Amino acid sequence: MTVPVLGVAGWKNSGKTTLVERLVSELTRRGLRVATIKHAHHDAEVDREGTDSFRHREAGAVEVALVTGARWAIVHELRGEAEPLLGHILQRLSPCDLVLVEGYKRENIPKIEVRRRAAARDEPMAPGDNNVIAIAADHPIAATSLPIFGIDDIPQIADFIVSRLLAR
């Protein structure tokens, strides 16, 4: 069985991270195992300078696994390789019920488009992106055939996700 994947996409400062965080909380409260993938357009650091894992990575290790009694993580340095495709990252995830993807707005996956007045841009992604299956916004949206949710209507958005992607 293929794990359902849902993108949460929108322009910078549209509220993607907050929506993902709130959806993960709601969906896990309902008993689902949710994984997330965050795509960043900048060089994000996941460990701090001076830590052992940072030092291993800086020394040239292509992958560094950090394992503690509470969690584990693997950091993979590209070292000049091309950025991996979303599909490659999806294959590396542990089993779960749903993967929420923040970013990757141009990927061919179903997406909820997030719109906020404070976003960096105001042009909609839908209807130009046929993968947008719903819109979550903090303001009224012009007529569309897509389901529209208030950006804070987390239980309703979660209901939509469950019925649309997880109904078996």
N, C-alpha and C. Protein backbone atom coordinates (compact mmCIF):
# COMPACT_ATOMS: atom_id res chain seq x y z
N MET A 1 0.84 -1.18 0.00
CA MET A 1 0.00 0.00 0.00
C MET A 1 0.89 1.25 0.00
N THR A 2 0.54 2.21 -0.82
CA THR A 2 1.25 3.46 -0.87
C THR A 2 0.71 4.41 0.18
N VAL A 3 1.60 5.06 0.90
CA VAL A 3 1.19 6.01 1.93
C VAL A 3 0.70 7.29 1.26
N PRO A 4 -0.45 7.80 1.66
CA PRO A 4 -0.92 9.07 1.09
C PRO A 4 0.02 10.21 1.43
N VAL A 5 0.19 11.10 0.45
CA VAL A 5 1.05 12.27 0.60
C VAL A 5 0.20 13.49 0.30
N LEU A 6 0.30 14.50 1.16
CA LEU A 6 -0.44 15.75 0.96
C LEU A 6 0.50 16.92 1.14
N GLY A 7 0.54 17.78 0.15
CA GLY A 7 1.34 18.98 0.24
C GLY A 7 0.58 20.11 0.92
N VAL A 8 1.30 20.93 1.63
CA VAL A 8 0.78 22.18 2.18
C VAL A 8 1.63 23.26 1.55
N ALA A 9 1.04 23.99 0.60
CA ALA A 9 1.80 24.90 -0.23
C ALA A 9 1.23 26.31 -0.17
N GLY A 10 2.09 27.26 -0.39
CA GLY A 10 1.69 28.66 -0.42
C GLY A 10 2.93 29.51 -0.52
N TRP A 11 2.71 30.80 -0.66
CA TRP A 11 3.83 31.73 -0.76
C TRP A 11 4.46 31.95 0.61
N LYS A 12 5.62 32.53 0.63
CA LYS A 12 6.33 32.84 1.87
C LYS A 12 5.42 33.63 2.81
N ASN A 13 5.46 33.27 4.08
CA ASN A 13 4.65 33.90 5.14
C ASN A 13 3.15 33.66 5.00
N SER A 14 2.78 32.58 4.30
CA SER A 14 1.35 32.29 4.17
C SER A 14 0.81 31.47 5.34
N GLY A 15 1.69 30.95 6.18
CA GLY A 15 1.25 30.17 7.33
C GLY A 15 1.36 28.67 7.14
N LYS A 16 2.20 28.23 6.23
CA LYS A 16 2.36 26.80 5.96
C LYS A 16 2.83 26.03 7.18
N THR A 17 3.88 26.51 7.82
CA THR A 17 4.45 25.78 8.97
C THR A 17 3.44 25.68 10.10
N THR A 18 2.74 26.76 10.38
CA THR A 18 1.74 26.74 11.45
C THR A 18 0.63 25.76 11.12
N LEU A 19 0.17 25.76 9.86
CA LEU A 19 -0.90 24.83 9.49
C LEU A 19 -0.41 23.39 9.59
N VAL A 20 0.79 23.09 9.12
CA VAL A 20 1.32 21.73 9.23
C VAL A 20 1.41 21.32 10.69
N GLU A 21 1.96 22.18 11.52
CA GLU A 21 2.10 21.89 12.95
C GLU A 21 0.75 21.57 13.59
N ARG A 22 -0.24 22.37 13.28
CA ARG A 22 -1.56 22.18 13.88
C ARG A 22 -2.25 20.93 13.33
N LEU A 23 -2.05 20.64 12.04
CA LEU A 23 -2.63 19.42 11.47
C LEU A 23 -1.97 18.17 12.03
N VAL A 24 -0.65 18.20 12.20
CA VAL A 24 0.04 17.05 12.80
C VAL A 24 -0.52 16.80 14.19
N SER A 25 -0.68 17.84 14.97
CA SER A 25 -1.21 17.70 16.32
C SER A 25 -2.61 17.09 16.30
N GLU A 26 -3.46 17.59 15.44
CA GLU A 26 -4.85 17.10 15.36
C GLU A 26 -4.90 15.65 14.85
N LEU A 27 -4.15 15.36 13.80
CA LEU A 27 -4.20 14.02 13.22
C LEU A 27 -3.57 12.98 14.15
N THR A 28 -2.50 13.33 14.83
CA THR A 28 -1.90 12.37 15.78
C THR A 28 -2.81 12.19 16.99
N ARG A 29 -3.51 13.23 17.39
CA ARG A 29 -4.49 13.10 18.48
C ARG A 29 -5.56 12.08 18.10
N ARG A 30 -5.85 11.97 16.82
CA ARG A 30 -6.84 11.01 16.32
C ARG A 30 -6.25 9.61 16.14
N GLY A 31 -4.99 9.45 16.47
CA GLY A 31 -4.38 8.12 16.42
C GLY A 31 -3.60 7.81 15.16
N LEU A 32 -3.41 8.78 14.28
CA LEU A 32 -2.67 8.54 13.05
C LEU A 32 -1.17 8.76 13.27
N ARG A 33 -0.38 8.00 12.53
CA ARG A 33 1.07 8.22 12.51
C ARG A 33 1.36 9.11 11.31
N VAL A 34 1.83 10.32 11.59
CA VAL A 34 2.06 11.32 10.55
C VAL A 34 3.54 11.63 10.46
N ALA A 35 4.08 11.61 9.24
CA ALA A 35 5.44 12.05 8.98
C ALA A 35 5.38 13.36 8.22
N THR A 36 6.41 14.17 8.33
CA THR A 36 6.45 15.42 7.59
C THR A 36 7.77 15.55 6.84
N ILE A 37 7.70 16.29 5.75
CA ILE A 37 8.89 16.66 4.98
C ILE A 37 8.80 18.17 4.79
N LYS A 38 9.87 18.86 5.13
CA LYS A 38 9.95 20.31 4.97
C LYS A 38 10.98 20.61 3.91
N HIS A 39 10.57 21.33 2.86
CA HIS A 39 11.51 21.74 1.82
C HIS A 39 11.86 23.20 2.05
N ALA A 40 13.15 23.49 2.09
CA ALA A 40 13.62 24.86 2.30
C ALA A 40 14.44 25.29 1.09
N HIS A 41 14.35 26.57 0.77
CA HIS A 41 15.11 27.12 -0.36
C HIS A 41 16.42 27.72 0.09
N HIS A 42 16.80 27.51 1.32
CA HIS A 42 18.03 28.07 1.85
C HIS A 42 18.81 26.96 2.55
N ASP A 43 20.01 27.25 2.92
CA ASP A 43 20.89 26.27 3.56
C ASP A 43 20.54 26.17 5.05
N ALA A 44 19.62 25.31 5.38
CA ALA A 44 19.16 25.16 6.77
C ALA A 44 20.10 24.24 7.53
N GLU A 45 20.39 24.59 8.75
CA GLU A 45 21.23 23.76 9.62
C GLU A 45 20.33 23.00 10.60
N VAL A 46 20.65 21.73 10.83
CA VAL A 46 19.86 20.94 11.77
C VAL A 46 20.64 20.58 13.03
N ASP A 47 21.90 20.85 13.03
CA ASP A 47 22.66 20.69 14.26
C ASP A 47 23.52 21.93 14.46
N ARG A 48 23.90 22.17 15.67
CA ARG A 48 24.62 23.40 16.00
C ARG A 48 26.13 23.22 15.88
N GLU A 49 26.76 24.31 15.52
CA GLU A 49 28.22 24.31 15.47
C GLU A 49 28.78 23.91 16.83
N GLY A 50 29.76 23.04 16.79
CA GLY A 50 30.40 22.59 18.02
C GLY A 50 29.91 21.25 18.52
N THR A 51 28.72 20.81 18.09
CA THR A 51 28.25 19.50 18.53
C THR A 51 29.05 18.42 17.82
N ASP A 52 29.07 17.23 18.39
CA ASP A 52 29.83 16.13 17.79
C ASP A 52 29.33 15.82 16.38
N SER A 53 28.00 15.78 16.21
CA SER A 53 27.46 15.46 14.88
C SER A 53 27.86 16.52 13.87
N PHE A 54 27.85 17.77 14.27
CA PHE A 54 28.29 18.86 13.40
C PHE A 54 29.75 18.66 13.01
N ARG A 55 30.56 18.32 13.98
CA ARG A 55 31.98 18.12 13.72
C ARG A 55 32.22 16.96 12.76
N HIS A 56 31.45 15.87 12.90
CA HIS A 56 31.56 14.73 11.99
C HIS A 56 31.22 15.17 10.56
N ARG A 57 30.13 15.92 10.43
CA ARG A 57 29.67 16.39 9.13
C ARG A 57 30.70 17.34 8.52
N GLU A 58 31.18 18.26 9.30
CA GLU A 58 32.18 19.21 8.82
C GLU A 58 33.48 18.52 8.42
N ALA A 59 33.78 17.39 9.05
CA ALA A 59 34.99 16.64 8.71
C ALA A 59 34.87 15.94 7.37
N GLY A 60 33.63 15.85 6.83
CA GLY A 60 33.45 15.26 5.50
C GLY A 60 32.54 14.08 5.42
N ALA A 61 31.96 13.63 6.55
CA ALA A 61 31.04 12.50 6.48
C ALA A 61 29.87 12.83 5.57
N VAL A 62 29.49 11.89 4.71
CA VAL A 62 28.36 12.12 3.81
C VAL A 62 27.04 11.96 4.56
N GLU A 63 27.00 11.10 5.56
CA GLU A 63 25.83 10.98 6.42
C GLU A 63 26.30 10.87 7.87
N VAL A 64 25.52 11.49 8.74
CA VAL A 64 25.80 11.43 10.17
C VAL A 64 24.50 11.02 10.85
N ALA A 65 24.54 9.93 11.59
CA ALA A 65 23.38 9.50 12.37
C ALA A 65 23.62 9.91 13.81
N LEU A 66 22.65 10.57 14.37
CA LEU A 66 22.69 10.96 15.77
C LEU A 66 21.62 10.14 16.49
N VAL A 67 22.01 9.38 17.47
CA VAL A 67 21.09 8.49 18.17
C VAL A 67 21.15 8.79 19.65
N THR A 68 19.98 9.03 20.24
CA THR A 68 19.88 9.25 21.68
C THR A 68 18.79 8.35 22.22
N GLY A 69 18.59 8.38 23.52
CA GLY A 69 17.51 7.61 24.12
C GLY A 69 16.14 8.16 23.79
N ALA A 70 16.07 9.36 23.23
CA ALA A 70 14.78 9.99 22.93
C ALA A 70 14.48 10.08 21.44
N ARG A 71 15.52 10.09 20.57
CA ARG A 71 15.27 10.24 19.14
C ARG A 71 16.52 9.89 18.35
N TRP A 72 16.34 9.76 17.05
CA TRP A 72 17.49 9.60 16.17
C TRP A 72 17.24 10.42 14.91
N ALA A 73 18.31 10.82 14.29
CA ALA A 73 18.21 11.59 13.06
C ALA A 73 19.40 11.27 12.18
N ILE A 74 19.18 11.37 10.89
CA ILE A 74 20.27 11.20 9.93
C ILE A 74 20.38 12.50 9.13
N VAL A 75 21.57 13.04 9.08
CA VAL A 75 21.85 14.22 8.26
C VAL A 75 22.67 13.74 7.08
N HIS A 76 22.22 14.04 5.89
CA HIS A 76 22.93 13.64 4.67
C HIS A 76 23.44 14.90 3.97
N GLU A 77 24.73 14.98 3.80
CA GLU A 77 25.35 16.10 3.10
C GLU A 77 25.39 15.79 1.61
N LEU A 78 24.95 16.71 0.79
CA LEU A 78 24.94 16.48 -0.65
C LEU A 78 26.34 16.57 -1.26
N ARG A 79 27.19 17.38 -0.70
CA ARG A 79 28.58 17.49 -1.17
C ARG A 79 28.67 17.60 -2.69
N GLY A 80 27.85 18.49 -3.26
CA GLY A 80 27.86 18.72 -4.70
C GLY A 80 26.85 17.92 -5.50
N GLU A 81 26.23 16.92 -4.87
CA GLU A 81 25.20 16.15 -5.57
C GLU A 81 23.97 17.03 -5.76
N ALA A 82 23.11 16.64 -6.69
CA ALA A 82 21.86 17.36 -6.93
C ALA A 82 20.91 17.18 -5.74
N GLU A 83 20.08 18.17 -5.51
CA GLU A 83 19.07 18.05 -4.46
C GLU A 83 18.18 16.86 -4.79
N PRO A 84 17.89 15.99 -3.82
CA PRO A 84 17.08 14.81 -4.11
C PRO A 84 15.63 15.19 -4.44
N LEU A 85 15.03 14.36 -5.26
CA LEU A 85 13.62 14.53 -5.58
C LEU A 85 12.77 14.12 -4.39
N LEU A 86 11.57 14.63 -4.34
CA LEU A 86 10.65 14.29 -3.25
C LEU A 86 10.48 12.78 -3.13
N GLY A 87 10.35 12.08 -4.24
CA GLY A 87 10.17 10.63 -4.20
C GLY A 87 11.29 9.90 -3.49
N HIS A 88 12.50 10.38 -3.65
CA HIS A 88 13.65 9.76 -2.96
C HIS A 88 13.52 9.91 -1.45
N ILE A 89 13.11 11.07 -1.00
CA ILE A 89 12.95 11.30 0.44
C ILE A 89 11.78 10.49 0.97
N LEU A 90 10.70 10.40 0.22
CA LEU A 90 9.53 9.61 0.66
C LEU A 90 9.92 8.15 0.88
N GLN A 91 10.80 7.62 0.05
CA GLN A 91 11.23 6.23 0.18
C GLN A 91 12.03 5.99 1.45
N ARG A 92 12.61 7.01 2.02
CA ARG A 92 13.47 6.85 3.20
C ARG A 92 12.70 6.97 4.52
N LEU A 93 11.43 7.35 4.45
CA LEU A 93 10.65 7.53 5.67
C LEU A 93 10.23 6.20 6.28
N SER A 94 10.07 6.19 7.58
CA SER A 94 9.54 5.02 8.28
C SER A 94 8.05 4.88 7.98
N PRO A 95 7.48 3.69 8.19
CA PRO A 95 6.05 3.50 7.93
C PRO A 95 5.19 4.49 8.72
N CYS A 96 4.17 4.98 8.05
CA CYS A 96 3.25 5.92 8.68
C CYS A 96 1.91 5.87 7.93
N ASP A 97 0.94 6.63 8.42
CA ASP A 97 -0.38 6.68 7.79
C ASP A 97 -0.51 7.79 6.76
N LEU A 98 0.26 8.86 6.94
CA LEU A 98 0.15 10.04 6.08
C LEU A 98 1.45 10.81 6.13
N VAL A 99 1.84 11.38 4.99
CA VAL A 99 2.99 12.27 4.93
C VAL A 99 2.49 13.66 4.54
N LEU A 100 2.78 14.64 5.38
CA LEU A 100 2.49 16.03 5.05
C LEU A 100 3.78 16.67 4.56
N VAL A 101 3.71 17.31 3.41
CA VAL A 101 4.88 17.91 2.79
C VAL A 101 4.70 19.42 2.77
N GLU A 102 5.60 20.12 3.42
CA GLU A 102 5.57 21.58 3.41
C GLU A 102 6.55 22.08 2.36
N GLY A 103 6.03 22.86 1.43
CA GLY A 103 6.86 23.32 0.33
C GLY A 103 6.66 22.41 -0.87
N TYR A 104 7.68 22.27 -1.69
CA TYR A 104 7.57 21.47 -2.93
C TYR A 104 6.31 21.86 -3.69
N LYS A 105 6.03 23.14 -3.79
CA LYS A 105 4.76 23.59 -4.37
C LYS A 105 4.57 23.19 -5.83
N ARG A 106 5.64 22.83 -6.52
CA ARG A 106 5.50 22.46 -7.92
C ARG A 106 5.43 20.94 -8.13
N GLU A 107 5.46 20.17 -7.05
CA GLU A 107 5.39 18.71 -7.16
C GLU A 107 3.98 18.27 -7.57
N ASN A 108 3.93 17.13 -8.22
CA ASN A 108 2.67 16.56 -8.69
C ASN A 108 2.05 15.71 -7.58
N ILE A 109 1.65 16.37 -6.50
CA ILE A 109 0.99 15.71 -5.37
C ILE A 109 -0.23 16.54 -4.99
N PRO A 110 -1.24 15.92 -4.38
CA PRO A 110 -2.37 16.72 -3.93
C PRO A 110 -1.91 17.73 -2.88
N LYS A 111 -2.51 18.94 -2.92
CA LYS A 111 -2.06 20.01 -2.04
C LYS A 111 -3.23 20.78 -1.47
N ILE A 112 -3.01 21.28 -0.27
CA ILE A 112 -3.87 22.32 0.28
C ILE A 112 -3.09 23.62 0.12
N GLU A 113 -3.70 24.59 -0.54
CA GLU A 113 -3.07 25.88 -0.72
C GLU A 113 -3.40 26.77 0.48
N VAL A 114 -2.37 27.38 1.06
CA VAL A 114 -2.55 28.25 2.21
C VAL A 114 -2.44 29.70 1.73
N ARG A 115 -3.44 30.49 2.08
CA ARG A 115 -3.44 31.91 1.70
C ARG A 115 -3.65 32.77 2.93
N ARG A 116 -2.77 33.75 3.08
CA ARG A 116 -2.91 34.74 4.14
C ARG A 116 -2.67 36.12 3.55
N ARG A 117 -3.34 37.08 4.10
CA ARG A 117 -3.13 38.46 3.63
C ARG A 117 -1.69 38.89 3.82
N ALA A 118 -1.01 38.37 4.84
CA ALA A 118 0.37 38.77 5.15
C ALA A 118 1.41 38.03 4.29
N ALA A 119 0.98 37.19 3.38
CA ALA A 119 1.93 36.43 2.56
C ALA A 119 2.73 37.35 1.65
N ALA A 120 3.88 36.87 1.22
CA ALA A 120 4.77 37.66 0.37
C ALA A 120 4.15 37.97 -0.99
N ARG A 121 3.29 37.08 -1.46
CA ARG A 121 2.61 37.28 -2.76
C ARG A 121 1.14 36.99 -2.56
N ASP A 122 0.29 37.60 -3.40
CA ASP A 122 -1.14 37.37 -3.22
C ASP A 122 -1.81 36.64 -4.38
N GLU A 123 -1.07 36.33 -5.45
CA GLU A 123 -1.71 35.60 -6.54
C GLU A 123 -1.93 34.15 -6.13
N PRO A 124 -3.11 33.62 -6.44
CA PRO A 124 -3.41 32.24 -6.05
C PRO A 124 -2.63 31.22 -6.88
N MET A 125 -2.37 30.07 -6.27
CA MET A 125 -1.75 28.96 -6.98
C MET A 125 -2.83 28.24 -7.80
N ALA A 126 -4.00 28.05 -7.17
CA ALA A 126 -5.14 27.47 -7.88
C ALA A 126 -5.84 28.64 -8.57
N PRO A 127 -6.38 28.49 -9.73
CA PRO A 127 -6.63 27.27 -10.48
C PRO A 127 -5.49 26.82 -11.39
N GLY A 128 -4.36 27.51 -11.40
CA GLY A 128 -3.26 27.13 -12.28
C GLY A 128 -2.64 25.80 -11.93
N ASP A 129 -2.80 25.34 -10.69
CA ASP A 129 -2.24 24.06 -10.25
C ASP A 129 -3.39 23.09 -10.02
N ASN A 130 -3.53 22.13 -10.90
CA ASN A 130 -4.63 21.15 -10.80
C ASN A 130 -4.48 20.21 -9.62
N ASN A 131 -3.33 20.24 -8.93
CA ASN A 131 -3.12 19.39 -7.77
C ASN A 131 -3.66 20.00 -6.49
N VAL A 132 -4.06 21.26 -6.52
CA VAL A 132 -4.65 21.89 -5.34
C VAL A 132 -6.05 21.32 -5.17
N ILE A 133 -6.28 20.69 -4.00
CA ILE A 133 -7.57 20.04 -3.74
C ILE A 133 -8.41 20.82 -2.74
N ALA A 134 -7.82 21.82 -2.09
CA ALA A 134 -8.55 22.65 -1.13
C ALA A 134 -7.73 23.90 -0.84
N ILE A 135 -8.40 24.89 -0.25
CA ILE A 135 -7.76 26.14 0.11
C ILE A 135 -8.04 26.42 1.58
N ALA A 136 -7.01 26.83 2.31
CA ALA A 136 -7.16 27.29 3.70
C ALA A 136 -6.72 28.75 3.70
N ALA A 137 -7.60 29.64 4.16
CA ALA A 137 -7.29 31.07 4.05
C ALA A 137 -7.76 31.83 5.28
N ASP A 138 -7.15 33.01 5.46
CA ASP A 138 -7.55 33.89 6.56
C ASP A 138 -8.43 35.04 6.06
N HIS A 139 -8.93 34.91 4.83
CA HIS A 139 -9.78 35.94 4.25
C HIS A 139 -10.74 35.28 3.26
N PRO A 140 -11.80 35.99 2.88
CA PRO A 140 -12.75 35.43 1.92
C PRO A 140 -12.07 35.12 0.58
N ILE A 141 -12.50 34.04 -0.03
CA ILE A 141 -11.95 33.59 -1.31
C ILE A 141 -13.04 33.69 -2.37
N ALA A 142 -12.67 34.19 -3.54
CA ALA A 142 -13.63 34.29 -4.65
C ALA A 142 -14.14 32.89 -5.01
N ALA A 143 -15.27 32.87 -5.66
CA ALA A 143 -15.92 31.62 -6.04
C ALA A 143 -14.94 30.64 -6.69
N THR A 144 -15.00 29.42 -6.22
CA THR A 144 -14.16 28.35 -6.75
C THR A 144 -14.90 27.03 -6.50
N SER A 145 -14.55 26.03 -7.25
CA SER A 145 -15.17 24.71 -7.04
C SER A 145 -14.44 23.94 -5.94
N LEU A 146 -13.31 24.46 -5.47
CA LEU A 146 -12.53 23.79 -4.44
C LEU A 146 -13.13 24.02 -3.05
N PRO A 147 -12.99 23.05 -2.15
CA PRO A 147 -13.39 23.29 -0.76
C PRO A 147 -12.52 24.41 -0.17
N ILE A 148 -13.16 25.28 0.59
CA ILE A 148 -12.46 26.39 1.23
C ILE A 148 -12.65 26.26 2.73
N PHE A 149 -11.53 26.39 3.46
CA PHE A 149 -11.55 26.31 4.92
C PHE A 149 -10.93 27.57 5.50
N GLY A 150 -11.40 27.97 6.66
CA GLY A 150 -10.71 29.00 7.40
C GLY A 150 -9.38 28.43 7.85
N ILE A 151 -8.37 29.26 7.87
CA ILE A 151 -7.02 28.79 8.19
C ILE A 151 -6.93 28.21 9.61
N ASP A 152 -7.88 28.58 10.48
CA ASP A 152 -7.90 28.07 11.85
C ASP A 152 -8.90 26.92 12.05
N ASP A 153 -9.56 26.47 10.99
CA ASP A 153 -10.55 25.39 11.09
C ASP A 153 -9.87 24.02 11.03
N ILE A 154 -8.97 23.78 11.95
CA ILE A 154 -8.12 22.59 11.92
C ILE A 154 -8.93 21.28 11.96
N PRO A 155 -9.91 21.12 12.85
CA PRO A 155 -10.68 19.87 12.84
C PRO A 155 -11.38 19.61 11.50
N GLN A 156 -11.90 20.66 10.87
CA GLN A 156 -12.58 20.49 9.58
C GLN A 156 -11.58 20.14 8.48
N ILE A 157 -10.42 20.77 8.51
CA ILE A 157 -9.39 20.43 7.51
C ILE A 157 -8.93 18.99 7.72
N ALA A 158 -8.75 18.59 8.96
CA ALA A 158 -8.35 17.21 9.26
C ALA A 158 -9.42 16.23 8.80
N ASP A 159 -10.69 16.55 9.02
CA ASP A 159 -11.78 15.71 8.54
C ASP A 159 -11.70 15.54 7.02
N PHE A 160 -11.45 16.64 6.33
CA PHE A 160 -11.33 16.61 4.87
C PHE A 160 -10.18 15.70 4.45
N ILE A 161 -9.03 15.84 5.10
CA ILE A 161 -7.86 15.03 4.76
C ILE A 161 -8.17 13.54 4.98
N VAL A 162 -8.77 13.22 6.11
CA VAL A 162 -9.09 11.83 6.40
C VAL A 162 -10.07 11.28 5.38
N SER A 163 -11.13 12.02 5.07
CA SER A 163 -12.12 11.51 4.13
C SER A 163 -11.58 11.45 2.70
N ARG A 164 -10.74 12.39 2.33
CA ARG A 164 -10.24 12.45 0.95
C ARG A 164 -9.06 11.52 0.71
N LEU A 165 -8.16 11.37 1.69
CA LEU A 165 -6.92 10.62 1.45
C LEU A 165 -6.80 9.32 2.22
N LEU A 166 -7.53 9.20 3.33
CA LEU A 166 -7.32 8.02 4.19
C LEU A 166 -8.52 7.08 4.24
N ALA A 167 -9.62 7.48 3.62
CA ALA A 167 -10.80 6.59 3.64
C ALA A 167 -10.48 5.33 2.86
N ARG A 168 -10.67 4.21 3.50
CA ARG A 168 -10.32 2.93 2.87
C ARG A 168 -11.57 2.17 2.54
